Amino acid sequence: METSFLKNSIVLFEYYKTLGEKTVQQIDPEQLFWQANEDSNSIALIIQHLHGNMLSRWTDFLTTDGEKEWRNRDSEFETTDRNPDNIMQQWNEGWKVLLDTLNALTDADLNKTVYIRSQAHSVMEAIQRQIAHYAYHVGQIVFLGKMLSKEWKSLSIPKNKSSDFNTHFSKEQNQGNNFTDYLKKKD
């Protein structure tokens, strides 16, 4: 079965976006700002960083360097806003810019050259770079959320539930669904 790189990439980005959102839903709003120590990041700081990165990388993606002159990366790691609603607005804005950009691309764009910090990448390489980067940070968000949540609900296969997952996923495959379809539907 063939799936386009762009379509699959969008599904992966949406999956990581969902993981972050389901994590934030499991913590109290003030816990967005919790830091283990002064050198560690809170969920809010990670979101601020993702926001800055997403706006920089995906704004005018095909025509300008992904590290915009207006970006101040260091400030993304300083708590400047303690309003949970504003933090989540940044989350949504960053993801919107990313997903709007990806949805506007075509397969013909994949071999074009884009630049990040003056380093040349094919569009495909740049997308892969950002999938890895965002998965890394969403993993941090999930880890922090799991530590902070009073009643954590697993976002993947819960402990001692692999057999249940395998049975359920086998049924999905028998219905013609692949893992990408499963990721789209997963609660």
N, C-alpha and C. Protein backbone atom coordinates (compact mmCIF):
# COMPACT_ATOMS: atom_id res chain seq x y z
N MET A 1 0.85 -1.18 0.00
CA MET A 1 0.00 0.00 0.00
C MET A 1 0.90 1.24 0.00
N GLU A 2 0.60 2.16 -0.89
CA GLU A 2 1.41 3.36 -1.02
C GLU A 2 0.70 4.54 -0.34
N THR A 3 1.45 5.25 0.46
CA THR A 3 0.95 6.46 1.10
C THR A 3 1.92 7.57 0.75
N SER A 4 1.42 8.72 0.40
CA SER A 4 2.33 9.81 0.04
C SER A 4 3.08 10.28 1.28
N PHE A 5 4.31 10.70 1.05
CA PHE A 5 5.15 11.22 2.13
C PHE A 5 4.47 12.39 2.82
N LEU A 6 3.91 13.31 2.04
CA LEU A 6 3.25 14.48 2.62
C LEU A 6 2.07 14.08 3.50
N LYS A 7 1.24 13.20 2.97
CA LYS A 7 0.06 12.77 3.73
C LYS A 7 0.48 12.09 5.03
N ASN A 8 1.46 11.21 4.95
CA ASN A 8 1.94 10.52 6.14
C ASN A 8 2.57 11.49 7.14
N SER A 9 3.30 12.47 6.63
CA SER A 9 3.93 13.46 7.51
C SER A 9 2.88 14.28 8.25
N ILE A 10 1.83 14.67 7.55
CA ILE A 10 0.75 15.42 8.18
C ILE A 10 0.10 14.59 9.28
N VAL A 11 -0.14 13.31 9.01
CA VAL A 11 -0.72 12.42 10.02
C VAL A 11 0.19 12.34 11.25
N LEU A 12 1.50 12.22 11.03
CA LEU A 12 2.43 12.15 12.17
C LEU A 12 2.43 13.45 12.97
N PHE A 13 2.50 14.58 12.28
CA PHE A 13 2.45 15.86 12.99
C PHE A 13 1.15 15.98 13.80
N GLU A 14 0.02 15.62 13.19
CA GLU A 14 -1.26 15.69 13.91
C GLU A 14 -1.28 14.76 15.11
N TYR A 15 -0.66 13.60 14.96
CA TYR A 15 -0.57 12.65 16.07
C TYR A 15 0.20 13.26 17.25
N TYR A 16 1.35 13.86 16.98
CA TYR A 16 2.13 14.47 18.06
C TYR A 16 1.41 15.67 18.66
N LYS A 17 0.71 16.42 17.83
CA LYS A 17 -0.10 17.54 18.34
C LYS A 17 -1.15 17.00 19.32
N THR A 18 -1.80 15.91 18.93
CA THR A 18 -2.83 15.30 19.78
C THR A 18 -2.23 14.78 21.09
N LEU A 19 -1.07 14.16 21.02
CA LEU A 19 -0.42 13.68 22.25
C LEU A 19 -0.18 14.83 23.23
N GLY A 20 0.32 15.95 22.72
CA GLY A 20 0.55 17.12 23.57
C GLY A 20 -0.74 17.64 24.18
N GLU A 21 -1.78 17.71 23.37
CA GLU A 21 -3.06 18.22 23.86
C GLU A 21 -3.68 17.29 24.89
N LYS A 22 -3.60 16.00 24.66
CA LYS A 22 -4.16 15.04 25.62
C LYS A 22 -3.36 15.04 26.92
N THR A 23 -2.11 15.41 26.84
CA THR A 23 -1.31 15.55 28.06
C THR A 23 -1.76 16.77 28.85
N VAL A 24 -1.86 17.90 28.17
CA VAL A 24 -2.25 19.15 28.84
C VAL A 24 -3.63 19.01 29.47
N GLN A 25 -4.51 18.24 28.86
CA GLN A 25 -5.85 18.03 29.41
C GLN A 25 -5.82 17.25 30.72
N GLN A 26 -4.72 16.56 30.98
CA GLN A 26 -4.64 15.72 32.18
C GLN A 26 -3.96 16.41 33.36
N ILE A 27 -3.56 17.67 33.19
CA ILE A 27 -2.91 18.38 34.28
C ILE A 27 -3.70 19.63 34.62
N ASP A 28 -3.44 20.17 35.79
CA ASP A 28 -4.05 21.44 36.18
C ASP A 28 -3.34 22.56 35.42
N PRO A 29 -4.06 23.61 35.04
CA PRO A 29 -3.45 24.68 34.23
C PRO A 29 -2.17 25.27 34.83
N GLU A 30 -2.12 25.42 36.16
CA GLU A 30 -0.91 26.00 36.77
C GLU A 30 0.30 25.07 36.65
N GLN A 31 0.04 23.78 36.42
CA GLN A 31 1.15 22.83 36.27
C GLN A 31 1.89 23.01 34.95
N LEU A 32 1.32 23.77 34.03
CA LEU A 32 2.05 24.09 32.80
C LEU A 32 3.38 24.76 33.09
N PHE A 33 3.47 25.42 34.24
CA PHE A 33 4.63 26.24 34.57
C PHE A 33 5.59 25.57 35.55
N TRP A 34 5.30 24.34 35.95
CA TRP A 34 6.14 23.63 36.90
C TRP A 34 7.48 23.27 36.27
N GLN A 35 8.56 23.53 37.02
CA GLN A 35 9.91 23.17 36.59
C GLN A 35 10.57 22.36 37.70
N ALA A 36 11.26 21.29 37.33
CA ALA A 36 11.95 20.47 38.32
C ALA A 36 13.07 21.26 38.98
N ASN A 37 13.72 22.13 38.24
CA ASN A 37 14.76 23.02 38.76
C ASN A 37 14.92 24.17 37.77
N GLU A 38 15.77 25.12 38.09
CA GLU A 38 15.88 26.31 37.24
C GLU A 38 16.48 26.03 35.87
N ASP A 39 17.16 24.90 35.71
CA ASP A 39 17.76 24.56 34.42
C ASP A 39 16.86 23.70 33.55
N SER A 40 15.71 23.27 34.08
CA SER A 40 14.81 22.42 33.30
C SER A 40 13.68 23.27 32.71
N ASN A 41 13.01 22.71 31.74
CA ASN A 41 11.91 23.42 31.09
C ASN A 41 10.57 22.96 31.63
N SER A 42 9.67 23.88 31.72
CA SER A 42 8.27 23.56 32.03
C SER A 42 7.58 23.21 30.71
N ILE A 43 6.38 22.68 30.81
CA ILE A 43 5.60 22.44 29.61
C ILE A 43 5.36 23.75 28.87
N ALA A 44 5.09 24.82 29.62
CA ALA A 44 4.86 26.13 28.98
C ALA A 44 6.08 26.59 28.20
N LEU A 45 7.27 26.41 28.75
CA LEU A 45 8.48 26.81 28.03
C LEU A 45 8.68 25.98 26.77
N ILE A 46 8.39 24.69 26.85
CA ILE A 46 8.51 23.84 25.66
C ILE A 46 7.52 24.30 24.60
N ILE A 47 6.31 24.64 25.02
CA ILE A 47 5.30 25.14 24.07
C ILE A 47 5.76 26.46 23.46
N GLN A 48 6.29 27.37 24.27
CA GLN A 48 6.81 28.64 23.74
C GLN A 48 7.89 28.37 22.69
N HIS A 49 8.78 27.42 22.98
CA HIS A 49 9.85 27.09 22.05
C HIS A 49 9.28 26.49 20.76
N LEU A 50 8.36 25.56 20.89
CA LEU A 50 7.74 24.97 19.70
C LEU A 50 7.05 26.05 18.86
N HIS A 51 6.36 26.95 19.53
CA HIS A 51 5.68 28.05 18.85
C HIS A 51 6.67 28.87 18.04
N GLY A 52 7.74 29.30 18.68
CA GLY A 52 8.75 30.10 17.98
C GLY A 52 9.38 29.34 16.83
N ASN A 53 9.69 28.08 17.05
CA ASN A 53 10.29 27.26 16.01
C ASN A 53 9.33 27.08 14.84
N MET A 54 8.07 26.75 15.15
CA MET A 54 7.10 26.52 14.09
C MET A 54 6.86 27.77 13.25
N LEU A 55 6.71 28.91 13.90
CA LEU A 55 6.50 30.15 13.14
C LEU A 55 7.71 30.44 12.26
N SER A 56 8.90 30.25 12.81
CA SER A 56 10.12 30.53 12.06
C SER A 56 10.31 29.56 10.90
N ARG A 57 10.15 28.28 11.16
CA ARG A 57 10.41 27.26 10.14
C ARG A 57 9.37 27.25 9.02
N TRP A 58 8.09 27.47 9.37
CA TRP A 58 7.03 27.21 8.40
C TRP A 58 6.47 28.46 7.74
N THR A 59 6.79 29.65 8.24
CA THR A 59 6.38 30.88 7.58
C THR A 59 7.24 31.07 6.34
N ASP A 60 6.61 31.25 5.19
CA ASP A 60 7.33 31.40 3.92
C ASP A 60 8.34 30.27 3.73
N PHE A 61 7.88 29.06 4.00
CA PHE A 61 8.72 27.86 4.05
C PHE A 61 9.57 27.66 2.80
N LEU A 62 8.99 27.82 1.63
CA LEU A 62 9.72 27.54 0.40
C LEU A 62 10.61 28.70 -0.07
N THR A 63 10.44 29.88 0.52
CA THR A 63 11.11 31.06 -0.05
C THR A 63 12.09 31.77 0.88
N THR A 64 12.05 31.50 2.19
CA THR A 64 12.98 32.18 3.10
C THR A 64 13.63 31.17 4.04
N ASP A 65 14.76 31.52 4.59
CA ASP A 65 15.45 30.65 5.53
C ASP A 65 14.54 30.35 6.73
N GLY A 66 14.57 29.12 7.19
CA GLY A 66 13.72 28.69 8.30
C GLY A 66 14.09 29.30 9.64
N GLU A 67 15.24 29.91 9.73
CA GLU A 67 15.63 30.62 10.96
C GLU A 67 15.48 32.11 10.66
N LYS A 68 14.30 32.63 10.95
CA LYS A 68 13.98 34.01 10.62
C LYS A 68 14.77 34.99 11.49
N GLU A 69 15.07 36.14 10.91
CA GLU A 69 15.80 37.18 11.65
C GLU A 69 15.02 37.69 12.84
N TRP A 70 13.69 37.66 12.77
CA TRP A 70 12.85 38.18 13.85
C TRP A 70 12.71 37.21 15.01
N ARG A 71 13.18 35.98 14.85
CA ARG A 71 13.05 35.00 15.92
C ARG A 71 14.08 35.26 17.01
N ASN A 72 13.65 35.20 18.26
CA ASN A 72 14.55 35.30 19.40
C ASN A 72 14.44 33.98 20.18
N ARG A 73 15.20 32.98 19.76
CA ARG A 73 15.11 31.64 20.32
C ARG A 73 15.34 31.63 21.83
N ASP A 74 16.33 32.39 22.30
CA ASP A 74 16.64 32.38 23.73
C ASP A 74 15.46 32.82 24.59
N SER A 75 14.66 33.76 24.08
CA SER A 75 13.51 34.24 24.87
C SER A 75 12.41 33.18 24.98
N GLU A 76 12.44 32.19 24.09
CA GLU A 76 11.44 31.13 24.15
C GLU A 76 11.58 30.29 25.41
N PHE A 77 12.74 30.36 26.05
CA PHE A 77 13.00 29.57 27.25
C PHE A 77 12.94 30.42 28.52
N GLU A 78 12.27 31.56 28.44
CA GLU A 78 12.04 32.42 29.60
C GLU A 78 10.53 32.51 29.81
N THR A 79 10.10 32.35 31.04
CA THR A 79 8.68 32.46 31.34
C THR A 79 8.28 33.91 31.25
N THR A 80 7.53 34.24 30.19
CA THR A 80 7.10 35.62 30.01
C THR A 80 5.59 35.77 30.16
N ASP A 81 4.90 34.68 30.04
CA ASP A 81 3.44 34.72 30.11
C ASP A 81 2.97 33.55 30.98
N ARG A 82 2.27 33.85 32.06
CA ARG A 82 1.80 32.79 32.96
C ARG A 82 0.30 32.54 32.82
N ASN A 83 -0.25 32.92 31.69
CA ASN A 83 -1.66 32.70 31.42
C ASN A 83 -1.79 31.41 30.60
N PRO A 84 -2.38 30.36 31.19
CA PRO A 84 -2.51 29.08 30.46
C PRO A 84 -3.23 29.21 29.12
N ASP A 85 -4.24 30.09 29.04
CA ASP A 85 -4.96 30.26 27.78
C ASP A 85 -4.03 30.82 26.69
N ASN A 86 -3.17 31.75 27.07
CA ASN A 86 -2.23 32.32 26.10
C ASN A 86 -1.20 31.28 25.64
N ILE A 87 -0.78 30.43 26.57
CA ILE A 87 0.18 29.38 26.21
C ILE A 87 -0.47 28.44 25.19
N MET A 88 -1.70 28.05 25.44
CA MET A 88 -2.38 27.15 24.51
C MET A 88 -2.71 27.84 23.19
N GLN A 89 -2.90 29.15 23.22
CA GLN A 89 -3.08 29.90 21.97
C GLN A 89 -1.79 29.83 21.14
N GLN A 90 -0.63 29.92 21.80
CA GLN A 90 0.64 29.77 21.09
C GLN A 90 0.75 28.37 20.49
N TRP A 91 0.37 27.37 21.27
CA TRP A 91 0.39 25.98 20.78
C TRP A 91 -0.42 25.87 19.48
N ASN A 92 -1.64 26.35 19.53
CA ASN A 92 -2.53 26.24 18.37
C ASN A 92 -2.04 27.06 17.18
N GLU A 93 -1.52 28.24 17.44
CA GLU A 93 -1.01 29.09 16.35
C GLU A 93 0.17 28.42 15.64
N GLY A 94 1.10 27.86 16.41
CA GLY A 94 2.25 27.20 15.81
C GLY A 94 1.84 26.03 14.94
N TRP A 95 0.98 25.18 15.48
CA TRP A 95 0.53 24.01 14.73
C TRP A 95 -0.27 24.43 13.49
N LYS A 96 -1.04 25.49 13.58
CA LYS A 96 -1.82 25.94 12.43
C LYS A 96 -0.88 26.37 11.29
N VAL A 97 0.14 27.14 11.61
CA VAL A 97 1.09 27.57 10.57
C VAL A 97 1.74 26.35 9.93
N LEU A 98 2.19 25.41 10.74
CA LEU A 98 2.81 24.18 10.23
C LEU A 98 1.85 23.42 9.32
N LEU A 99 0.66 23.10 9.81
CA LEU A 99 -0.28 22.27 9.05
C LEU A 99 -0.81 22.98 7.80
N ASP A 100 -1.03 24.29 7.90
CA ASP A 100 -1.45 25.03 6.70
C ASP A 100 -0.37 24.97 5.63
N THR A 101 0.89 25.11 6.05
CA THR A 101 2.00 25.05 5.10
C THR A 101 2.09 23.67 4.46
N LEU A 102 2.05 22.63 5.28
CA LEU A 102 2.15 21.27 4.73
C LEU A 102 0.98 20.95 3.79
N ASN A 103 -0.21 21.37 4.16
CA ASN A 103 -1.38 21.09 3.32
C ASN A 103 -1.32 21.83 1.98
N ALA A 104 -0.54 22.90 1.90
CA ALA A 104 -0.39 23.65 0.65
C ALA A 104 0.70 23.07 -0.25
N LEU A 105 1.56 22.21 0.29
CA LEU A 105 2.64 21.62 -0.51
C LEU A 105 2.11 20.52 -1.41
N THR A 106 2.86 20.26 -2.48
CA THR A 106 2.54 19.16 -3.39
C THR A 106 3.74 18.22 -3.44
N ASP A 107 3.53 17.05 -3.99
CA ASP A 107 4.64 16.11 -4.16
C ASP A 107 5.76 16.72 -4.99
N ALA A 108 5.43 17.61 -5.91
CA ALA A 108 6.44 18.27 -6.74
C ALA A 108 7.36 19.17 -5.91
N ASP A 109 6.90 19.62 -4.74
CA ASP A 109 7.71 20.48 -3.87
C ASP A 109 8.78 19.70 -3.09
N LEU A 110 8.64 18.39 -2.97
CA LEU A 110 9.48 17.61 -2.07
C LEU A 110 10.96 17.65 -2.40
N ASN A 111 11.32 17.83 -3.65
CA ASN A 111 12.73 17.87 -4.02
C ASN A 111 13.29 19.28 -4.14
N LYS A 112 12.45 20.28 -3.86
CA LYS A 112 12.94 21.66 -3.85
C LYS A 112 13.91 21.82 -2.68
N THR A 113 14.73 22.84 -2.76
CA THR A 113 15.69 23.13 -1.70
C THR A 113 15.18 24.26 -0.83
N VAL A 114 15.24 24.04 0.49
CA VAL A 114 14.94 25.08 1.47
C VAL A 114 16.16 25.19 2.38
N TYR A 115 16.20 26.28 3.13
CA TYR A 115 17.35 26.52 4.00
C TYR A 115 16.90 26.67 5.44
N ILE A 116 17.69 26.11 6.33
CA ILE A 116 17.51 26.29 7.77
C ILE A 116 18.89 26.66 8.31
N ARG A 117 18.99 27.87 8.85
CA ARG A 117 20.27 28.40 9.31
C ARG A 117 21.33 28.32 8.21
N SER A 118 20.92 28.71 7.01
CA SER A 118 21.76 28.74 5.81
C SER A 118 22.22 27.37 5.32
N GLN A 119 21.72 26.31 5.92
CA GLN A 119 22.05 24.95 5.49
C GLN A 119 20.96 24.43 4.56
N ALA A 120 21.38 23.94 3.39
CA ALA A 120 20.43 23.46 2.39
C ALA A 120 19.83 22.11 2.80
N HIS A 121 18.52 21.98 2.59
CA HIS A 121 17.79 20.74 2.82
C HIS A 121 16.79 20.56 1.68
N SER A 122 16.53 19.33 1.28
CA SER A 122 15.36 19.13 0.43
C SER A 122 14.15 19.37 1.32
N VAL A 123 13.02 19.67 0.72
CA VAL A 123 11.79 19.85 1.50
C VAL A 123 11.53 18.60 2.33
N MET A 124 11.75 17.43 1.74
CA MET A 124 11.54 16.18 2.46
C MET A 124 12.46 16.08 3.69
N GLU A 125 13.71 16.46 3.53
CA GLU A 125 14.64 16.43 4.67
C GLU A 125 14.21 17.42 5.76
N ALA A 126 13.77 18.59 5.34
CA ALA A 126 13.34 19.60 6.31
C ALA A 126 12.12 19.12 7.10
N ILE A 127 11.20 18.47 6.41
CA ILE A 127 10.02 17.93 7.09
C ILE A 127 10.43 16.85 8.08
N GLN A 128 11.31 15.94 7.66
CA GLN A 128 11.78 14.88 8.56
C GLN A 128 12.50 15.47 9.77
N ARG A 129 13.28 16.49 9.55
CA ARG A 129 14.00 17.16 10.65
C ARG A 129 13.01 17.69 11.68
N GLN A 130 11.93 18.30 11.20
CA GLN A 130 10.97 18.89 12.13
C GLN A 130 10.11 17.83 12.79
N ILE A 131 9.79 16.74 12.11
CA ILE A 131 9.07 15.65 12.78
C ILE A 131 9.88 15.16 13.97
N ALA A 132 11.17 14.93 13.75
CA ALA A 132 12.03 14.45 14.83
C ALA A 132 12.10 15.47 15.97
N HIS A 133 12.25 16.73 15.62
CA HIS A 133 12.36 17.78 16.63
C HIS A 133 11.09 17.89 17.47
N TYR A 134 9.94 17.90 16.81
CA TYR A 134 8.69 18.06 17.53
C TYR A 134 8.34 16.81 18.33
N ALA A 135 8.65 15.64 17.81
CA ALA A 135 8.42 14.41 18.57
C ALA A 135 9.25 14.40 19.84
N TYR A 136 10.48 14.88 19.76
CA TYR A 136 11.36 14.98 20.92
C TYR A 136 10.73 15.86 22.00
N HIS A 137 10.25 17.03 21.60
CA HIS A 137 9.68 17.96 22.58
C HIS A 137 8.31 17.51 23.08
N VAL A 138 7.50 16.93 22.22
CA VAL A 138 6.21 16.41 22.70
C VAL A 138 6.46 15.27 23.68
N GLY A 139 7.48 14.46 23.44
CA GLY A 139 7.85 13.42 24.40
C GLY A 139 8.18 14.01 25.76
N GLN A 140 8.87 15.14 25.77
CA GLN A 140 9.17 15.82 27.03
C GLN A 140 7.88 16.28 27.70
N ILE A 141 6.97 16.83 26.92
CA ILE A 141 5.69 17.29 27.46
C ILE A 141 4.94 16.12 28.09
N VAL A 142 4.89 14.99 27.37
CA VAL A 142 4.19 13.81 27.88
C VAL A 142 4.86 13.32 29.16
N PHE A 143 6.17 13.27 29.19
CA PHE A 143 6.89 12.82 30.38
C PHE A 143 6.56 13.71 31.58
N LEU A 144 6.60 15.03 31.38
CA LEU A 144 6.27 15.94 32.47
C LEU A 144 4.81 15.79 32.89
N GLY A 145 3.92 15.69 31.92
CA GLY A 145 2.50 15.52 32.23
C GLY A 145 2.24 14.26 33.02
N LYS A 146 2.92 13.19 32.65
CA LYS A 146 2.74 11.93 33.36
C LYS A 146 3.19 12.05 34.81
N MET A 147 4.26 12.79 35.04
CA MET A 147 4.74 13.01 36.42
C MET A 147 3.78 13.89 37.21
N LEU A 148 3.15 14.85 36.55
CA LEU A 148 2.33 15.84 37.25
C LEU A 148 0.87 15.42 37.42
N SER A 149 0.37 14.56 36.55
CA SER A 149 -1.03 14.18 36.58
C SER A 149 -1.36 13.34 37.80
N LYS A 150 -2.51 13.60 38.37
CA LYS A 150 -2.96 12.82 39.53
C LYS A 150 -3.48 11.46 39.11
N GLU A 151 -4.11 11.38 37.94
CA GLU A 151 -4.68 10.12 37.44
C GLU A 151 -4.37 10.01 35.95
N TRP A 152 -3.15 9.64 35.65
CA TRP A 152 -2.69 9.58 34.26
C TRP A 152 -3.43 8.51 33.46
N LYS A 153 -3.93 8.91 32.30
CA LYS A 153 -4.53 7.97 31.34
C LYS A 153 -3.53 7.81 30.21
N SER A 154 -3.10 6.60 29.98
CA SER A 154 -2.07 6.31 28.98
C SER A 154 -2.46 6.84 27.61
N LEU A 155 -1.47 7.37 26.90
CA LEU A 155 -1.68 7.87 25.55
C LEU A 155 -1.23 6.85 24.51
N SER A 156 -0.72 5.74 24.98
CA SER A 156 -0.30 4.68 24.07
C SER A 156 -0.83 3.35 24.60
N ILE A 157 -0.02 2.34 24.59
CA ILE A 157 -0.45 1.04 25.10
C ILE A 157 -0.16 1.01 26.60
N PRO A 158 -1.19 0.95 27.45
CA PRO A 158 -0.96 0.92 28.89
C PRO A 158 -0.18 -0.32 29.32
N LYS A 159 0.47 -0.23 30.45
CA LYS A 159 1.20 -1.39 30.99
C LYS A 159 0.27 -2.59 31.08
N ASN A 160 0.81 -3.73 30.71
CA ASN A 160 0.11 -5.01 30.77
C ASN A 160 -1.13 -5.06 29.87
N LYS A 161 -1.17 -4.24 28.83
CA LYS A 161 -2.31 -4.21 27.92
C LYS A 161 -1.89 -4.46 26.47
N SER A 162 -0.69 -4.98 26.25
CA SER A 162 -0.21 -5.23 24.89
C SER A 162 -1.10 -6.22 24.16
N SER A 163 -1.53 -7.27 24.84
CA SER A 163 -2.36 -8.27 24.22
C SER A 163 -3.69 -7.67 23.77
N ASP A 164 -4.29 -6.84 24.62
CA ASP A 164 -5.54 -6.16 24.25
C ASP A 164 -5.34 -5.28 23.01
N PHE A 165 -4.22 -4.55 22.99
CA PHE A 165 -3.92 -3.69 21.84
C PHE A 165 -3.78 -4.53 20.57
N ASN A 166 -3.00 -5.60 20.66
CA ASN A 166 -2.77 -6.45 19.48
C ASN A 166 -4.08 -7.01 18.94
N THR A 167 -4.96 -7.43 19.83
CA THR A 167 -6.27 -7.96 19.40
C THR A 167 -7.07 -6.87 18.70
N HIS A 168 -7.13 -5.69 19.32
CA HIS A 168 -7.88 -4.57 18.75
C HIS A 168 -7.29 -4.16 17.40
N PHE A 169 -5.96 -4.06 17.33
CA PHE A 169 -5.33 -3.62 16.09
C PHE A 169 -5.50 -4.66 14.98
N SER A 170 -5.50 -5.93 15.33
CA SER A 170 -5.76 -6.98 14.32
C SER A 170 -7.14 -6.79 13.71
N LYS A 171 -8.13 -6.45 14.53
CA LYS A 171 -9.47 -6.18 14.02
C LYS A 171 -9.46 -4.98 13.07
N GLU A 172 -8.68 -3.94 13.44
CA GLU A 172 -8.56 -2.75 12.58
C GLU A 172 -7.98 -3.14 11.22
N GLN A 173 -6.95 -3.97 11.24
CA GLN A 173 -6.32 -4.40 9.99
C GLN A 173 -7.30 -5.24 9.16
N ASN A 174 -8.07 -6.08 9.80
CA ASN A 174 -9.06 -6.89 9.08
C ASN A 174 -10.13 -6.02 8.42
N GLN A 175 -10.34 -4.83 8.96
CA GLN A 175 -11.31 -3.90 8.38
C GLN A 175 -10.66 -3.01 7.31
N GLY A 176 -9.39 -3.32 6.99
CA GLY A 176 -8.69 -2.57 5.95
C GLY A 176 -7.97 -1.33 6.44
N ASN A 177 -7.91 -1.13 7.74
CA ASN A 177 -7.23 0.04 8.28
C ASN A 177 -5.75 -0.28 8.53
N ASN A 178 -4.89 0.68 8.25
CA ASN A 178 -3.47 0.52 8.55
C ASN A 178 -3.12 1.32 9.79
N PHE A 179 -1.86 1.34 10.14
CA PHE A 179 -1.46 2.02 11.37
C PHE A 179 -1.71 3.52 11.28
N THR A 180 -1.57 4.10 10.11
CA THR A 180 -1.86 5.53 9.95
C THR A 180 -3.32 5.82 10.25
N ASP A 181 -4.20 4.93 9.75
CA ASP A 181 -5.63 5.09 10.06
C ASP A 181 -5.86 4.97 11.57
N TYR A 182 -5.17 4.02 12.18
CA TYR A 182 -5.30 3.81 13.62
C TYR A 182 -4.87 5.07 14.39
N LEU A 183 -3.75 5.69 13.98
CA LEU A 183 -3.27 6.89 14.65
C LEU A 183 -4.30 8.01 14.56
N LYS A 184 -4.96 8.12 13.43
CA LYS A 184 -5.97 9.17 13.27
C LYS A 184 -7.14 8.98 14.22
N LYS A 185 -7.52 7.73 14.47
CA LYS A 185 -8.70 7.44 15.29
C LYS A 185 -8.40 7.29 16.77
N LYS A 186 -7.15 7.06 17.12
CA LYS A 186 -6.78 6.69 18.50
C LYS A 186 -7.22 7.75 19.49
N ASP A 187 -7.86 7.32 20.56
CA ASP A 187 -8.24 8.20 21.67
C ASP A 187 -7.25 8.09 22.77
